[in-house]
Amino acid sequence: MSPTDQNSQASDLPTSPQTPTDADTSADKNSTTHFGYKTIEKDDKISMVAGVFHSVAKQYDVMNDLMSFGIHRLWKRFTIDASGVRPGNKVLDLAGGTGDLTAKFSKLVGREGKVVLADINSSMLNVGRDKLRDKGLVQNIEYVQANAEYLPFEENTFDIVTIAFGLRNVTDKDKALRSIYSVLKPGGRLLVLEFSKPEHELLNKAYDFYSFNILPKMGELVAKDGESYQYLAESIRMHPDQETLKGMMENAGFEQTSFKNLTGGVVALHKGYKF
């Protein structure tokens, strides 16, 4: 799709398959997964997560600023700086939502580079595309509606893949990591920015209180949707901790994996290379 096609909608964008193949299905020994603290059928998670993000898309940026007191901008800037992005690079901003990372990458890769903003949710993708076009960012950005587990790109396509605050919502994280590994070029790198486990118990308790007592109320007041923000808080607690995610990346084939705790481990940036 041409990034200058101003009249197209996210529903017209290329999409990746969202239904596993027979081989994938037969390989699944466990048909259930988690949706926050609930146990659900794996086949139901995509639609349930979609419902959350369809609901919060229009207020997503406002809520990000409120929930993190604006600190999410520093976390994202740190991710950009750690990416080693260069002019001419091809970048995949996976689960890119409203396009904060895409906007910064677009300026850094220049006219010879390309940034693909990919998200499984059409509402988030539409909000992101409208925001970036309002900023005049149209020359080197493409938009793709895609499932992280089945990325619709050729192998060895991207120099950098980022996924910021999106991996925890993926049904099969191991499959997504393998799919990301496939589309990276040799020498390419993955950066995963995600909520994680605070390093200190006092901070962990304070974070729990904030997440389960204040965050849903903020969601109700601002986005008129406390339930979705209750799910988001629960999804953070169900996400693998720092060392577990590092091991998952290594199992997917990544090398020289590392992570950096930010804000006391409330968020962690994981990094791995494909060689």
Protein backbone atom coordinates (compact mmCIF):
# COMPACT_ATOMS: atom_id res chain seq x y z
CA MET A 1 0.00 0.00 0.00
CA SER A 2 1.30 3.43 -0.85
CA PRO A 3 1.75 5.66 2.17
CA THR A 4 0.40 8.57 0.14
CA ASP A 5 -2.98 6.92 -0.41
CA GLN A 6 -4.84 9.30 1.88
CA ASN A 7 -8.29 7.82 1.34
CA SER A 8 -7.65 4.16 2.16
CA GLN A 9 -8.74 2.65 5.48
CA ALA A 10 -6.87 0.27 7.74
CA SER A 11 -9.29 -2.49 6.78
CA ASP A 12 -7.92 -2.25 3.22
CA LEU A 13 -4.34 -2.77 4.35
CA PRO A 14 -2.44 -6.03 3.86
CA THR A 15 -3.22 -8.42 6.66
CA SER A 16 -1.41 -11.47 7.93
CA PRO A 17 -3.17 -14.77 8.53
CA GLN A 18 -4.78 -14.83 11.96
CA THR A 19 -5.80 -18.48 11.94
CA PRO A 20 -3.14 -21.14 12.67
CA THR A 21 -2.40 -23.80 10.08
CA ASP A 22 -3.34 -27.44 10.70
CA ALA A 23 0.26 -28.13 11.67
CA ASP A 24 0.22 -25.28 14.16
CA THR A 25 -3.03 -26.52 15.64
CA SER A 26 -1.87 -30.08 16.02
CA ALA A 27 1.29 -28.86 17.70
CA ASP A 28 -0.66 -27.02 20.38
CA LYS A 29 -0.92 -29.32 23.39
CA ASN A 30 -2.72 -26.72 25.45
CA SER A 31 -5.74 -24.97 23.99
CA THR A 32 -6.07 -22.37 26.75
CA THR A 33 -4.26 -19.13 27.56
CA HIS A 34 -4.77 -16.14 29.83
CA PHE A 35 -6.67 -12.93 29.27
CA GLY A 36 -5.53 -10.92 32.25
CA TYR A 37 -6.27 -13.23 35.17
CA LYS A 38 -8.94 -15.18 33.29
CA THR A 39 -8.28 -18.52 31.62
CA ILE A 40 -9.75 -18.60 28.12
CA GLU A 41 -9.54 -20.58 24.90
CA LYS A 42 -6.56 -19.55 22.77
CA ASP A 43 -8.83 -19.04 19.79
CA ASP A 44 -10.76 -16.39 21.72
CA LYS A 45 -7.86 -14.20 22.81
CA ILE A 46 -7.34 -12.28 19.56
CA SER A 47 -10.94 -11.08 19.47
CA MET A 48 -10.99 -10.27 23.19
CA VAL A 49 -7.78 -8.24 23.02
CA ALA A 50 -9.12 -6.56 19.88
CA GLY A 51 -12.18 -5.48 21.82
CA VAL A 52 -9.99 -3.82 24.44
CA PHE A 53 -7.99 -1.81 21.92
CA HIS A 54 -10.95 -0.89 19.74
CA SER A 55 -12.39 0.59 22.93
CA VAL A 56 -9.31 2.53 24.08
CA ALA A 57 -7.83 3.61 20.72
CA LYS A 58 -9.16 7.18 20.63
CA GLN A 59 -7.99 7.94 24.17
CA TYR A 60 -4.83 5.83 24.02
CA ASP A 61 -2.30 8.67 23.83
CA VAL A 62 -4.02 10.71 26.53
CA MET A 63 -4.18 7.72 28.84
CA ASN A 64 -0.51 6.86 28.22
CA ASP A 65 0.50 10.32 29.39
CA LEU A 66 -1.77 10.13 32.42
CA MET A 67 -0.89 6.57 33.42
CA SER A 68 2.87 7.04 33.18
CA PHE A 69 2.97 10.74 34.13
CA GLY A 70 4.60 11.27 30.74
CA ILE A 71 7.52 8.95 31.48
CA HIS A 72 6.56 6.64 28.59
CA ARG A 73 8.10 9.24 26.28
CA LEU A 74 11.48 8.80 27.98
CA TRP A 75 11.19 5.00 27.78
CA LYS A 76 10.51 5.25 24.05
CA ARG A 77 13.36 7.70 23.52
CA PHE A 78 15.70 5.29 25.30
CA THR A 79 14.51 2.53 22.95
CA ILE A 80 15.22 4.66 19.89
CA ASP A 81 18.69 5.52 21.18
CA ALA A 82 19.42 1.85 21.94
CA SER A 83 18.30 0.69 18.50
CA GLY A 84 21.35 1.94 16.64
CA VAL A 85 19.10 3.02 13.77
CA ARG A 86 20.86 4.55 10.78
CA PRO A 87 19.80 6.41 7.64
CA GLY A 88 18.57 3.95 5.03
CA ASN A 89 17.51 1.27 7.53
CA LYS A 90 14.27 -0.68 7.22
CA VAL A 91 12.39 -0.75 10.53
CA LEU A 92 9.33 -2.70 11.64
CA ASP A 93 7.44 -1.00 14.47
CA LEU A 94 5.36 -4.00 15.52
CA ALA A 95 2.26 -3.48 17.65
CA GLY A 96 3.10 0.13 16.87
CA GLY A 97 -0.30 1.45 17.86
CA THR A 98 -0.53 5.20 17.54
CA GLY A 99 2.94 5.52 16.05
CA ASP A 100 5.18 7.18 18.64
CA LEU A 101 8.22 5.09 17.70
CA THR A 102 7.37 5.21 14.00
CA ALA A 103 7.39 9.01 14.03
CA LYS A 104 10.91 9.12 15.46
CA PHE A 105 12.24 6.30 13.27
CA SER A 106 10.82 7.97 10.15
CA LYS A 107 12.97 11.03 10.71
CA LEU A 108 16.08 9.01 11.47
CA VAL A 109 16.00 6.55 8.55
CA GLY A 110 15.44 9.36 6.04
CA ARG A 111 14.12 9.18 2.51
CA GLU A 112 16.24 6.15 1.63
CA GLY A 113 14.89 4.19 4.59
CA LYS A 114 11.46 2.80 5.41
CA VAL A 115 9.37 2.27 8.52
CA VAL A 116 6.47 -0.17 8.62
CA LEU A 117 3.92 0.54 11.33
CA ALA A 118 2.18 -2.79 11.97
CA ASP A 119 -0.62 -3.52 14.40
CA ILE A 120 -3.22 -6.26 14.63
CA ASN A 121 -5.90 -3.75 15.62
CA SER A 122 -7.44 -1.63 12.86
CA SER A 123 -8.68 1.08 15.24
CA MET A 124 -5.21 1.63 16.67
CA LEU A 125 -3.72 1.59 13.18
CA ASN A 126 -6.19 4.20 11.93
CA VAL A 127 -5.48 6.49 14.89
CA GLY A 128 -1.75 6.11 14.34
CA ARG A 129 -1.95 6.77 10.62
CA ASP A 130 -4.10 9.87 11.08
CA LYS A 131 -1.74 11.23 13.73
CA LEU A 132 1.40 10.70 11.66
CA ARG A 133 -0.15 12.20 8.52
CA ASP A 134 -1.27 15.23 10.52
CA LYS A 135 2.43 15.65 11.37
CA GLY A 136 3.32 15.49 7.67
CA LEU A 137 5.05 12.10 7.98
CA VAL A 138 4.09 10.35 4.76
CA GLN A 139 7.20 9.82 2.66
CA ASN A 140 8.74 6.69 4.13
CA ILE A 141 6.02 5.06 6.25
CA GLU A 142 3.85 2.09 5.35
CA TYR A 143 0.95 0.62 7.34
CA VAL A 144 0.14 -3.06 7.69
CA GLN A 145 -2.51 -4.79 9.78
CA ALA A 146 -0.68 -7.88 11.01
CA ASN A 147 -0.65 -10.59 13.64
CA ALA A 148 2.79 -10.79 15.30
CA GLU A 149 2.64 -14.60 15.20
CA TYR A 150 2.29 -14.68 11.40
CA LEU A 151 4.16 -11.68 10.00
CA PRO A 152 3.40 -11.16 6.30
CA PHE A 153 6.91 -10.19 5.26
CA GLU A 154 9.70 -12.02 3.46
CA GLU A 155 12.56 -13.44 5.47
CA ASN A 156 15.56 -11.17 6.07
CA THR A 157 13.65 -7.94 5.40
CA PHE A 158 14.27 -5.60 8.36
CA ASP A 159 17.35 -4.16 10.05
CA ILE A 160 15.40 -3.42 13.24
CA VAL A 161 12.17 -4.70 14.77
CA THR A 162 10.66 -3.01 17.81
CA ILE A 163 7.62 -4.06 19.81
CA ALA A 164 6.67 -1.60 22.54
CA PHE A 165 4.02 -2.52 25.10
CA GLY A 166 2.55 -5.10 22.75
CA LEU A 167 4.18 -8.47 23.36
CA ARG A 168 2.18 -9.12 26.53
CA ASN A 169 -1.04 -9.06 24.48
CA VAL A 170 0.16 -11.71 22.00
CA THR A 171 -1.43 -15.14 22.44
CA ASP A 172 1.69 -17.20 21.63
CA LYS A 173 4.74 -15.12 22.47
CA ASP A 174 7.21 -17.84 21.48
CA LYS A 175 5.67 -18.05 18.02
CA ALA A 176 5.77 -14.27 17.68
CA LEU A 177 9.45 -14.17 18.62
CA ARG A 178 10.23 -16.82 16.00
CA SER A 179 8.26 -14.88 13.40
CA ILE A 180 10.17 -11.70 14.24
CA TYR A 181 13.46 -13.58 14.02
CA SER A 182 12.54 -14.76 10.54
CA VAL A 183 11.88 -11.29 9.10
CA LEU A 184 15.05 -9.76 10.54
CA LYS A 185 18.15 -9.52 8.37
CA PRO A 186 21.33 -11.22 9.57
CA GLY A 187 22.89 -8.67 11.89
CA GLY A 188 19.46 -7.23 12.62
CA ARG A 189 18.15 -6.62 16.11
CA LEU A 190 14.96 -6.86 18.10
CA LEU A 191 14.04 -4.45 20.88
CA VAL A 192 11.17 -5.33 23.22
CA LEU A 193 9.97 -2.50 25.45
CA GLU A 194 7.49 -3.86 27.96
CA PHE A 195 6.21 -3.57 31.50
CA SER A 196 8.10 -5.97 33.74
CA LYS A 197 8.79 -6.86 37.37
CA PRO A 198 9.98 -4.05 39.68
CA GLU A 199 13.35 -4.71 41.26
CA HIS A 200 12.39 -3.78 44.83
CA GLU A 201 9.51 -5.15 46.89
CA LEU A 202 8.38 -1.75 48.16
CA LEU A 203 8.15 -0.43 44.62
CA ASN A 204 6.35 -3.62 43.57
CA LYS A 205 3.69 -3.13 46.29
CA ALA A 206 3.20 0.53 45.39
CA TYR A 207 2.94 -0.38 41.72
CA ASP A 208 0.33 -3.05 42.50
CA PHE A 209 -1.76 -0.57 44.47
CA TYR A 210 -1.59 1.98 41.67
CA SER A 211 -2.37 -0.57 38.95
CA PHE A 212 -5.41 -2.15 40.58
CA ASN A 213 -6.89 0.74 42.56
CA ILE A 214 -6.14 3.87 40.56
CA LEU A 215 -5.56 2.82 36.95
CA PRO A 216 -9.04 1.32 36.31
CA LYS A 217 -10.67 4.41 37.85
CA MET A 218 -8.63 6.65 35.55
CA GLY A 219 -9.75 4.51 32.63
CA GLU A 220 -13.37 4.88 33.69
CA LEU A 221 -13.13 8.65 34.09
CA VAL A 222 -11.10 9.46 30.96
CA ALA A 223 -11.78 6.64 28.50
CA LYS A 224 -15.16 5.59 29.94
CA ASP A 225 -13.83 2.05 30.13
CA GLY A 226 -12.54 0.84 33.46
CA GLU A 227 -12.75 -2.84 32.47
CA SER A 228 -10.23 -2.50 29.65
CA TYR A 229 -7.72 -0.87 31.97
CA GLN A 230 -8.32 -3.55 34.56
CA TYR A 231 -7.35 -6.07 31.87
CA LEU A 232 -4.25 -4.05 30.96
CA ALA A 233 -3.13 -4.06 34.60
CA GLU A 234 -3.69 -7.81 34.85
CA SER A 235 -1.90 -8.47 31.55
CA ILE A 236 1.20 -6.75 32.92
CA ARG A 237 1.27 -9.12 35.91
CA MET A 238 0.90 -12.16 33.65
CA HIS A 239 3.79 -11.13 31.39
CA PRO A 240 7.10 -13.02 31.81
CA ASP A 241 9.67 -11.38 34.05
CA GLN A 242 12.98 -10.06 32.75
CA GLU A 243 15.03 -13.25 32.89
CA THR A 244 12.20 -15.42 31.53
CA LEU A 245 11.69 -13.17 28.51
CA LYS A 246 15.43 -13.11 27.88
CA GLY A 247 15.40 -16.92 27.81
CA MET A 248 12.42 -16.93 25.44
CA MET A 249 14.30 -14.70 23.03
CA GLU A 250 17.31 -17.03 23.14
CA ASN A 251 15.06 -20.03 22.48
CA ALA A 252 13.75 -18.23 19.39
CA GLY A 253 17.31 -17.93 18.06
CA PHE A 254 18.41 -14.50 19.25
CA GLU A 255 21.97 -14.02 20.42
CA GLN A 256 23.77 -11.50 22.63
CA THR A 257 20.47 -10.96 24.43
CA SER A 258 20.32 -8.43 27.24
CA PHE A 259 17.89 -6.26 29.13
CA LYS A 260 17.96 -2.90 30.82
CA ASN A 261 15.58 -2.09 33.67
CA LEU A 262 13.95 1.32 33.47
CA THR A 263 12.20 3.10 36.36
CA GLY A 264 13.26 0.42 38.79
CA GLY A 265 12.11 -2.46 36.62
CA VAL A 266 8.57 -1.20 36.11
CA VAL A 267 9.59 -1.35 32.46
CA ALA A 268 12.42 -3.29 30.82
CA LEU A 269 14.02 -2.98 27.41
CA HIS A 270 15.18 -6.34 26.01
CA LYS A 271 17.54 -6.52 23.07
CA GLY A 272 18.70 -9.43 20.92
CA TYR A 273 20.50 -9.96 17.62
CA LYS A 274 20.08 -12.30 14.67
CA PHE A 275 23.39 -13.57 13.30
